[in-house]
Amino acid sequence: MKEIILINLSGPDKPGVTSSVTALLAKHNVNILDIGQAVIHNTLALGILAEFSGADSWPALKEVLFCVNEMGMQSRFSPVSAESYQEWVSDKGKDRHIVTLLSRKITAEHIARVSSIIAEFGLNIDNISRLSGRIGLNDSREREKACVELSIRGDAENVPDLKAKFLEVSAELELDIAVQKDDMYRRTRRLVCFDMDSTLIEAEVIDELAKEAGVGEQVAEITELAMQGEIDFDESFRRRVALLKGLDESVLASIADRLKLTEGAEQLLSALNTLGYKTAILSGGFTYFARHLQKKLNIDYVHANELDIKDGKVTGDVTGTIVNGDRKAELLKEIAEREGIVLDQVIAVGDGANDLPMLSVAGLGVAFRAKPLVRKTAKHAISNLGLDAILYLIGMRDRDEVHL
């Protein structure tokens, strides 16, 4: 006769707890059906679902009880019925998703609101992990970042509604919430494509050029018309570039030198390069500045607009095909195909409406510090942390960066 017992142990964390307990169980030929262990602030919680083939489990459990008592720990033994075990086994076929919480700090209210929504949709939390590093009491909190990852299980038919509910909470609590299907692609991303302006850098380069040319207000007016949908990107882009006619070429170098990288950009690219990811800039901006970033951040591919310059002056034209939203999506697909990477393994990051096509075709599309419409439309959004928060979305922990 087989007997199933759930063994729960808790107490001060120390070396040898798991090995001591499992060694005792091994003497009685126990089969381990499930095991999980977590340590929070030097306190260990260990759970073992054990199958006993003998007639009586008590001799083994008594040895475990004495052992853990000597180690200053507490133990609890709970019998599990065959029906309960079979129900647990049947859950393995249910959908699994990863919910990632990102903010400057994670509060009890964040966890309470998110977990209540998960319960409201009939989903179960299997595991909760902290991906961000430990913060000392005297550490500077200026660039503090916090990330908690929840593994959830259950019927995923209403995931779009779940995401919509999370979006409401996200705006209210200054909390970014990402929901990803927990499959092999989440752990095997291979290509990251970035927008440039207001994504990799904090500025809109065309606005900087317009200021130098003395046409800042006129360019801003055209940009506003495009944002309101009164003119399309191609037309607005050509109009704005035309206003730059006569600008001295030397201005480009001075602007490039003072471009400020977005928070977390260098850390993210350094990690991606170390891990062997391919990277690309797909920008509606200008190649001159994209090439500058390519050298600085060691980026593999660059596709942007070529600003026409003759005799040291900007002509007011661009050469070649304009890199608009649709073109960005096409380029993303071309690079992925060239590298032998499926689209589910691609991450796309951007802030504007013209980034939505590439965000939609990528396996992980991230609206970064984007306008409300873009945040609502994109699959995922990061508004409260820097670009390096993307590392959390691929499952990296802060401690992993030490080894990069």
Protein backbone atom coordinates (compact mmCIF):
# COMPACT_ATOMS: atom_id res chain seq x y z
CA MET A 1 0.00 0.00 0.00
CA LYS A 2 1.38 3.40 -0.98
CA GLU A 3 1.06 6.48 1.21
CA ILE A 4 1.62 10.10 0.21
CA ILE A 5 2.73 12.63 2.83
CA LEU A 6 3.40 16.35 2.40
CA ILE A 7 6.38 17.28 4.59
CA ASN A 8 6.76 21.00 5.45
CA LEU A 9 9.84 22.23 7.25
CA SER A 10 10.67 25.78 8.34
CA GLY A 11 13.31 27.49 10.44
CA PRO A 12 16.76 29.10 10.36
CA ASP A 13 18.56 28.48 7.10
CA LYS A 14 21.81 26.53 7.45
CA PRO A 15 23.89 24.18 5.31
CA GLY A 16 22.87 20.54 5.29
CA VAL A 17 19.13 20.75 6.02
CA THR A 18 17.97 19.36 2.68
CA SER A 19 20.70 16.72 2.51
CA SER A 20 20.02 15.53 6.08
CA VAL A 21 16.28 15.17 5.57
CA THR A 22 16.47 13.50 2.17
CA ALA A 23 19.17 11.10 3.42
CA LEU A 24 16.78 9.90 6.12
CA LEU A 25 14.00 9.45 3.58
CA ALA A 26 16.38 7.58 1.26
CA LYS A 27 16.93 4.94 3.96
CA HIS A 28 13.22 4.12 3.65
CA ASN A 29 13.20 4.08 -0.19
CA VAL A 30 10.93 7.12 -0.40
CA ASN A 31 9.98 8.47 -3.84
CA ILE A 32 10.01 12.29 -4.17
CA LEU A 33 6.93 13.41 -6.13
CA ASP A 34 7.56 17.13 -5.72
CA ILE A 35 9.98 19.37 -3.85
CA GLY A 36 10.32 23.11 -3.37
CA GLN A 37 12.55 25.33 -1.25
CA ALA A 38 12.74 29.05 -0.58
CA VAL A 39 14.80 31.25 1.72
CA ILE A 40 13.55 34.65 2.88
CA HIS A 41 15.78 36.69 5.20
CA ASN A 42 17.74 33.59 6.33
CA THR A 43 14.56 31.64 7.07
CA LEU A 44 14.14 28.39 5.17
CA ALA A 45 10.86 26.90 3.97
CA LEU A 46 11.17 23.40 2.50
CA GLY A 47 8.32 21.29 1.16
CA ILE A 48 8.58 17.64 0.07
CA LEU A 49 5.75 15.55 -1.37
CA ALA A 50 6.87 12.04 -0.44
CA GLU A 51 5.53 8.67 -1.57
CA PHE A 52 6.04 5.80 0.90
CA SER A 53 5.79 2.28 -0.50
CA GLY A 54 5.92 0.49 2.86
CA ALA A 55 3.08 -0.28 5.20
CA ASP A 56 3.83 2.54 7.62
CA SER A 57 5.39 5.96 7.03
CA TRP A 58 5.76 6.82 10.72
CA PRO A 59 9.25 5.31 11.35
CA ALA A 60 10.70 7.54 8.62
CA LEU A 61 8.72 10.59 9.68
CA LYS A 62 9.78 10.12 13.29
CA GLU A 63 13.43 10.21 12.25
CA VAL A 64 12.78 13.37 10.24
CA LEU A 65 10.99 14.94 13.23
CA PHE A 66 13.90 14.29 15.60
CA CYS A 67 16.41 15.49 13.01
CA VAL A 68 14.73 18.84 12.32
CA ASN A 69 14.10 19.44 16.03
CA GLU A 70 17.83 19.11 16.66
CA MET A 71 18.40 21.74 13.97
CA GLY A 72 15.99 24.14 15.69
CA MET A 73 13.36 23.84 12.97
CA GLN A 74 9.64 23.13 12.88
CA SER A 75 7.97 20.34 10.92
CA ARG A 76 4.46 19.49 9.76
CA PHE A 77 3.29 16.24 8.13
CA SER A 78 0.04 16.18 6.12
CA PRO A 79 -1.42 13.06 4.48
CA VAL A 80 -2.48 13.51 0.86
CA SER A 81 -5.34 11.42 -0.53
CA ALA A 82 -5.14 9.65 -3.87
CA GLU A 83 -7.95 11.87 -5.18
CA SER A 84 -6.16 15.05 -4.11
CA TYR A 85 -2.92 13.85 -5.67
CA GLN A 86 -4.61 13.02 -8.99
CA GLU A 87 -6.24 16.44 -9.05
CA TRP A 88 -2.80 18.01 -8.54
CA VAL A 89 -1.37 15.90 -11.38
CA SER A 90 -4.18 16.91 -13.74
CA ASP A 91 -3.22 20.59 -13.27
CA LYS A 92 0.04 20.07 -15.16
CA GLY A 93 -1.73 20.52 -18.49
CA LYS A 94 -3.11 23.95 -17.61
CA ASP A 95 -1.73 27.14 -19.10
CA ARG A 96 1.13 28.81 -17.27
CA HIS A 97 2.07 32.47 -17.40
CA ILE A 98 4.71 34.68 -15.81
CA VAL A 99 3.51 37.95 -14.27
CA THR A 100 6.37 40.42 -13.71
CA LEU A 101 5.94 43.43 -11.41
CA LEU A 102 8.32 46.36 -12.00
CA SER A 103 8.59 49.54 -9.97
CA ARG A 104 11.02 51.68 -7.98
CA LYS A 105 9.86 49.68 -4.97
CA ILE A 106 7.34 46.89 -4.50
CA THR A 107 4.77 47.55 -1.79
CA ALA A 108 2.25 45.37 0.01
CA GLU A 109 -0.50 47.18 -1.91
CA HIS A 110 1.12 46.21 -5.22
CA ILE A 111 1.12 42.52 -4.27
CA ALA A 112 -2.37 42.69 -2.77
CA ARG A 113 -3.97 44.32 -5.82
CA VAL A 114 -2.23 42.11 -8.37
CA SER A 115 -2.83 38.85 -6.49
CA SER A 116 -6.51 39.71 -5.96
CA ILE A 117 -6.94 40.21 -9.72
CA ILE A 118 -5.23 36.88 -10.37
CA ALA A 119 -7.64 35.20 -7.95
CA GLU A 120 -10.59 37.03 -9.53
CA PHE A 121 -9.76 35.35 -12.84
CA GLY A 122 -9.61 31.92 -11.19
CA LEU A 123 -5.83 31.59 -11.58
CA ASN A 124 -3.46 30.17 -9.01
CA ILE A 125 -0.05 31.52 -7.97
CA ASP A 126 2.47 28.65 -7.93
CA ASN A 127 5.61 30.60 -7.12
CA ILE A 128 6.79 34.11 -6.24
CA SER A 129 10.43 35.18 -6.72
CA ARG A 130 12.32 38.42 -6.27
CA LEU A 131 14.55 39.19 -9.26
CA SER A 132 15.92 42.53 -8.08
CA GLY A 133 18.87 42.75 -5.73
CA ARG A 134 18.87 43.38 -2.00
CA ILE A 135 18.72 47.03 -0.94
CA GLY A 136 20.71 48.09 2.12
CA LEU A 137 19.17 50.50 4.64
CA ASN A 138 21.80 53.11 3.84
CA ASP A 139 21.89 52.56 0.07
CA SER A 140 20.98 55.44 -2.23
CA ARG A 141 17.36 55.09 -3.44
CA GLU A 142 17.70 57.54 -6.33
CA ARG A 143 17.83 54.82 -8.97
CA GLU A 144 16.20 52.11 -6.91
CA LYS A 145 14.50 49.36 -8.86
CA ALA A 146 12.43 46.42 -7.72
CA CYS A 147 11.08 43.37 -9.52
CA VAL A 148 8.97 40.46 -8.36
CA GLU A 149 8.01 37.55 -10.64
CA LEU A 150 4.87 35.45 -10.15
CA SER A 151 4.30 32.09 -11.82
CA ILE A 152 0.57 31.58 -12.32
CA ARG A 153 -1.44 28.59 -13.56
CA GLY A 154 -4.95 28.08 -14.85
CA ASP A 155 -7.36 28.63 -17.73
CA ALA A 156 -5.87 31.45 -19.81
CA GLU A 157 -8.83 32.17 -22.10
CA ASN A 158 -9.33 35.61 -20.53
CA VAL A 159 -5.69 36.75 -20.59
CA PRO A 160 -6.56 39.89 -22.67
CA ASP A 161 -9.10 40.87 -20.00
CA LEU A 162 -6.54 40.11 -17.29
CA LYS A 163 -4.01 42.38 -18.99
CA ALA A 164 -6.61 45.15 -19.30
CA LYS A 165 -7.31 44.92 -15.58
CA PHE A 166 -3.59 45.03 -14.84
CA LEU A 167 -3.24 48.12 -17.06
CA GLU A 168 -5.76 49.99 -14.88
CA VAL A 169 -3.85 49.11 -11.72
CA SER A 170 -0.52 49.91 -13.39
CA ALA A 171 -1.48 53.52 -14.07
CA GLU A 172 -2.95 53.96 -10.60
CA LEU A 173 -0.03 52.56 -8.59
CA GLU A 174 3.01 53.50 -10.76
CA LEU A 175 3.62 49.82 -11.30
CA ASP A 176 4.50 48.07 -14.57
CA ILE A 177 2.90 44.63 -14.95
CA ALA A 178 3.95 42.26 -17.74
CA VAL A 179 2.19 38.98 -18.54
CA GLN A 180 4.03 36.42 -20.67
CA LYS A 181 3.20 32.86 -21.58
CA ASP A 182 5.62 30.60 -19.75
CA ASP A 183 7.07 28.69 -22.68
CA MET A 184 10.48 27.96 -24.15
CA TYR A 185 10.51 31.17 -26.21
CA ARG A 186 10.40 33.35 -23.08
CA ARG A 187 13.73 31.85 -22.08
CA THR A 188 15.32 31.79 -25.54
CA ARG A 189 15.01 35.31 -26.98
CA ARG A 190 17.84 35.97 -29.44
CA LEU A 191 17.27 39.37 -31.11
CA VAL A 192 16.38 42.79 -29.67
CA CYS A 193 15.29 45.64 -31.98
CA PHE A 194 15.22 49.20 -30.63
CA ASP A 195 13.70 52.44 -31.71
CA MET A 196 16.24 55.22 -31.20
CA ASP A 197 14.68 58.59 -30.34
CA SER A 198 13.12 58.69 -26.86
CA THR A 199 14.00 55.00 -26.47
CA LEU A 200 17.77 54.46 -26.59
CA ILE A 201 18.31 58.20 -26.19
CA GLU A 202 16.25 60.71 -24.24
CA ALA A 203 15.95 63.22 -27.07
CA GLU A 204 14.11 63.48 -30.39
CA VAL A 205 17.01 64.26 -32.71
CA ILE A 206 14.89 66.04 -35.33
CA ASP A 207 13.75 68.46 -32.63
CA GLU A 208 17.37 69.13 -31.66
CA LEU A 209 18.25 69.78 -35.30
CA ALA A 210 15.23 72.06 -35.68
CA LYS A 211 16.30 74.14 -32.69
CA GLU A 212 19.75 74.61 -34.22
CA ALA A 213 18.13 75.59 -37.53
CA GLY A 214 15.82 78.08 -35.82
CA VAL A 215 12.64 76.23 -36.85
CA GLY A 216 11.85 74.46 -33.61
CA GLU A 217 8.29 75.74 -33.28
CA GLN A 218 7.40 74.95 -36.90
CA VAL A 219 8.69 71.37 -36.58
CA ALA A 220 6.79 70.94 -33.32
CA GLU A 221 3.55 72.02 -35.02
CA ILE A 222 3.98 69.42 -37.75
CA THR A 223 4.81 66.75 -35.16
CA GLU A 224 1.57 67.60 -33.34
CA LEU A 225 -0.46 67.23 -36.55
CA ALA A 226 1.07 63.79 -37.09
CA MET A 227 0.33 62.75 -33.51
CA GLN A 228 -3.31 63.78 -34.00
CA GLY A 229 -3.51 61.68 -37.14
CA GLU A 230 -4.10 64.62 -39.47
CA ILE A 231 -1.07 63.70 -41.60
CA ASP A 232 0.81 60.40 -41.88
CA PHE A 233 4.37 59.77 -40.75
CA ASP A 234 5.96 59.96 -44.21
CA GLU A 235 4.41 63.33 -45.03
CA SER A 236 5.17 64.83 -41.61
CA PHE A 237 8.73 63.53 -41.79
CA ARG A 238 9.39 65.06 -45.23
CA ARG A 239 7.90 68.39 -44.13
CA ARG A 240 10.08 68.52 -41.02
CA VAL A 241 13.25 67.55 -42.86
CA ALA A 242 12.56 70.20 -45.51
CA LEU A 243 12.66 72.85 -42.79
CA LEU A 244 16.25 71.83 -41.99
CA LYS A 245 17.52 72.96 -45.39
CA GLY A 246 20.77 74.90 -45.13
CA LEU A 247 21.77 73.60 -41.72
CA ASP A 248 25.54 73.23 -41.44
CA GLU A 249 26.80 69.63 -41.33
CA SER A 250 29.02 70.39 -38.31
CA VAL A 251 25.89 70.77 -36.15
CA LEU A 252 25.24 67.01 -36.45
CA ALA A 253 28.50 66.14 -34.70
CA SER A 254 27.87 68.55 -31.84
CA ILE A 255 24.38 67.14 -31.28
CA ALA A 256 25.65 63.56 -31.45
CA ASP A 257 28.25 64.30 -28.78
CA ARG A 258 25.68 65.61 -26.31
CA LEU A 259 23.00 62.96 -26.80
CA LYS A 260 22.06 61.48 -23.45
CA LEU A 261 21.49 57.75 -23.26
CA THR A 262 18.29 56.58 -21.61
CA GLU A 263 18.56 55.18 -18.10
CA GLY A 264 19.69 51.55 -18.23
CA ALA A 265 20.63 51.56 -21.93
CA GLU A 266 24.33 50.86 -21.42
CA GLN A 267 23.66 48.16 -18.81
CA LEU A 268 21.12 46.45 -21.05
CA LEU A 269 23.29 46.45 -24.17
CA SER A 270 26.33 45.28 -22.22
CA ALA A 271 24.35 42.32 -20.88
CA LEU A 272 22.83 41.47 -24.26
CA ASN A 273 26.23 41.56 -25.97
CA THR A 274 27.75 39.33 -23.30
CA LEU A 275 24.89 36.86 -23.64
CA GLY A 276 25.30 36.70 -27.43
CA TYR A 277 22.07 38.45 -28.44
CA LYS A 278 21.84 40.17 -31.81
CA THR A 279 20.77 43.80 -31.57
CA ALA A 280 19.39 46.36 -34.01
CA ILE A 281 18.35 50.00 -34.23
CA LEU A 282 15.24 50.43 -36.40
CA SER A 283 14.62 54.16 -36.37
CA GLY A 284 12.53 56.78 -38.07
CA GLY A 285 15.38 59.14 -37.17
CA PHE A 286 18.68 59.59 -38.93
CA THR A 287 21.46 57.15 -39.78
CA TYR A 288 24.18 59.59 -38.70
CA PHE A 289 23.09 59.43 -35.08
CA ALA A 290 22.20 55.74 -35.19
CA ARG A 291 25.75 54.95 -36.35
CA HIS A 292 27.09 57.01 -33.45
CA LEU A 293 25.09 54.84 -31.04
CA GLN A 294 26.06 51.67 -32.88
CA LYS A 295 29.74 52.29 -32.11
CA LYS A 296 29.07 53.33 -28.54
CA LEU A 297 26.80 50.39 -27.65
CA ASN A 298 28.19 47.69 -29.99
CA ILE A 299 24.93 47.21 -31.90
CA ASP A 300 24.84 44.76 -34.82
CA TYR A 301 22.34 46.31 -37.25
CA VAL A 302 21.30 49.88 -38.03
CA HIS A 303 18.43 50.97 -40.26
CA ALA A 304 17.37 54.62 -40.27
CA ASN A 305 16.86 57.53 -42.66
CA GLU A 306 19.80 58.98 -44.61
CA LEU A 307 19.87 62.77 -44.30
CA ASP A 308 21.01 64.23 -47.63
CA ILE A 309 24.02 66.54 -47.31
CA LYS A 310 25.78 68.39 -50.12
CA ASP A 311 28.69 70.81 -49.87
CA GLY A 312 28.56 70.58 -46.09
CA LYS A 313 24.89 71.63 -45.89
CA VAL A 314 21.65 69.75 -45.25
CA THR A 315 19.60 69.81 -48.46
CA GLY A 316 16.20 69.27 -46.81
CA ASP A 317 15.78 65.84 -48.37
CA VAL A 318 16.35 62.22 -47.34
CA THR A 319 17.66 59.53 -49.64
CA GLY A 320 16.21 56.05 -49.98
CA THR A 321 13.06 54.54 -48.48
CA ILE A 322 11.69 56.27 -45.38
CA VAL A 323 11.83 54.02 -42.32
CA ASN A 324 8.25 54.32 -41.11
CA GLY A 325 6.24 51.95 -38.91
CA ASP A 326 5.58 49.35 -41.59
CA ARG A 327 9.19 49.45 -42.74
CA LYS A 328 10.39 48.82 -39.18
CA ALA A 329 8.28 45.66 -38.99
CA GLU A 330 9.62 44.49 -42.38
CA LEU A 331 13.22 45.10 -41.31
CA LEU A 332 12.68 43.22 -38.06
CA LYS A 333 11.43 40.21 -40.00
CA GLU A 334 14.33 40.42 -42.48
CA ILE A 335 16.96 40.50 -39.72
CA ALA A 336 15.30 37.61 -37.88
CA GLU A 337 15.22 35.53 -41.06
CA ARG A 338 18.84 36.36 -41.86
CA GLU A 339 19.91 35.25 -38.37
CA GLY A 340 17.72 32.13 -38.39
CA ILE A 341 15.61 33.46 -35.48
CA VAL A 342 11.85 32.88 -35.21
CA LEU A 343 9.71 35.93 -34.42
CA ASP A 344 8.74 34.54 -31.03
CA GLN A 345 12.41 34.92 -30.08
CA VAL A 346 12.48 38.63 -30.96
CA ILE A 347 12.09 41.56 -28.56
CA ALA A 348 11.07 44.96 -29.97
CA VAL A 349 11.26 48.17 -27.93
CA GLY A 350 9.83 51.57 -28.85
CA ASP A 351 7.81 54.53 -27.62
CA GLY A 352 5.77 55.86 -30.54
CA ALA A 353 2.79 54.93 -32.67
CA ASN A 354 5.14 54.19 -35.59
CA ASP A 355 6.73 51.48 -33.41
CA LEU A 356 3.47 49.55 -32.96
CA PRO A 357 3.86 47.45 -36.16
CA MET A 358 7.22 46.04 -35.02
CA LEU A 359 6.01 45.68 -31.42
CA SER A 360 3.07 43.60 -32.67
CA VAL A 361 5.13 41.14 -34.76
CA ALA A 362 7.81 40.54 -32.12
CA GLY A 363 7.37 37.79 -29.58
CA LEU A 364 7.93 40.37 -26.84
CA GLY A 365 6.87 43.90 -27.79
CA VAL A 366 7.67 46.54 -25.15
CA ALA A 367 6.29 50.09 -25.16
CA PHE A 368 8.96 52.03 -23.31
CA ARG A 369 7.90 55.24 -21.53
CA ALA A 370 5.31 55.57 -24.23
CA LYS A 371 2.15 57.62 -24.74
CA PRO A 372 -1.07 56.13 -23.24
CA LEU A 373 -2.38 54.88 -26.59
CA VAL A 374 0.87 53.04 -27.33
CA ARG A 375 1.01 51.56 -23.81
CA LYS A 376 -2.54 50.33 -24.16
CA THR A 377 -1.98 48.81 -27.61
CA ALA A 378 1.40 47.16 -27.04
CA LYS A 379 1.70 43.71 -25.47
CA HIS A 380 3.90 45.01 -22.64
CA ALA A 381 4.94 48.38 -21.24
CA ILE A 382 7.74 49.74 -19.06
CA SER A 383 7.14 53.24 -17.75
CA ASN A 384 8.62 53.32 -14.27
CA LEU A 385 12.13 51.88 -14.71
CA GLY A 386 15.01 52.15 -17.17
CA LEU A 387 15.71 50.05 -20.26
CA ASP A 388 17.64 47.47 -18.25
CA ALA A 389 14.31 46.37 -16.74
CA ILE A 390 13.92 44.35 -19.95
CA LEU A 391 16.44 41.92 -18.44
CA TYR A 392 13.83 41.06 -15.82
CA LEU A 393 11.36 40.17 -18.57
CA ILE A 394 13.74 37.48 -19.84
CA GLY A 395 14.12 36.10 -16.33
CA MET A 396 17.48 37.59 -15.34
CA ARG A 397 18.16 38.50 -11.73
CA ASP A 398 20.34 41.37 -10.55
CA ARG A 399 22.83 38.91 -9.10
CA ASP A 400 23.32 37.39 -12.58
CA GLU A 401 24.89 40.65 -13.79
CA VAL A 402 27.85 40.11 -11.47
CA HIS A 403 28.94 37.25 -13.73
CA LEU A 404 28.39 39.02 -17.05
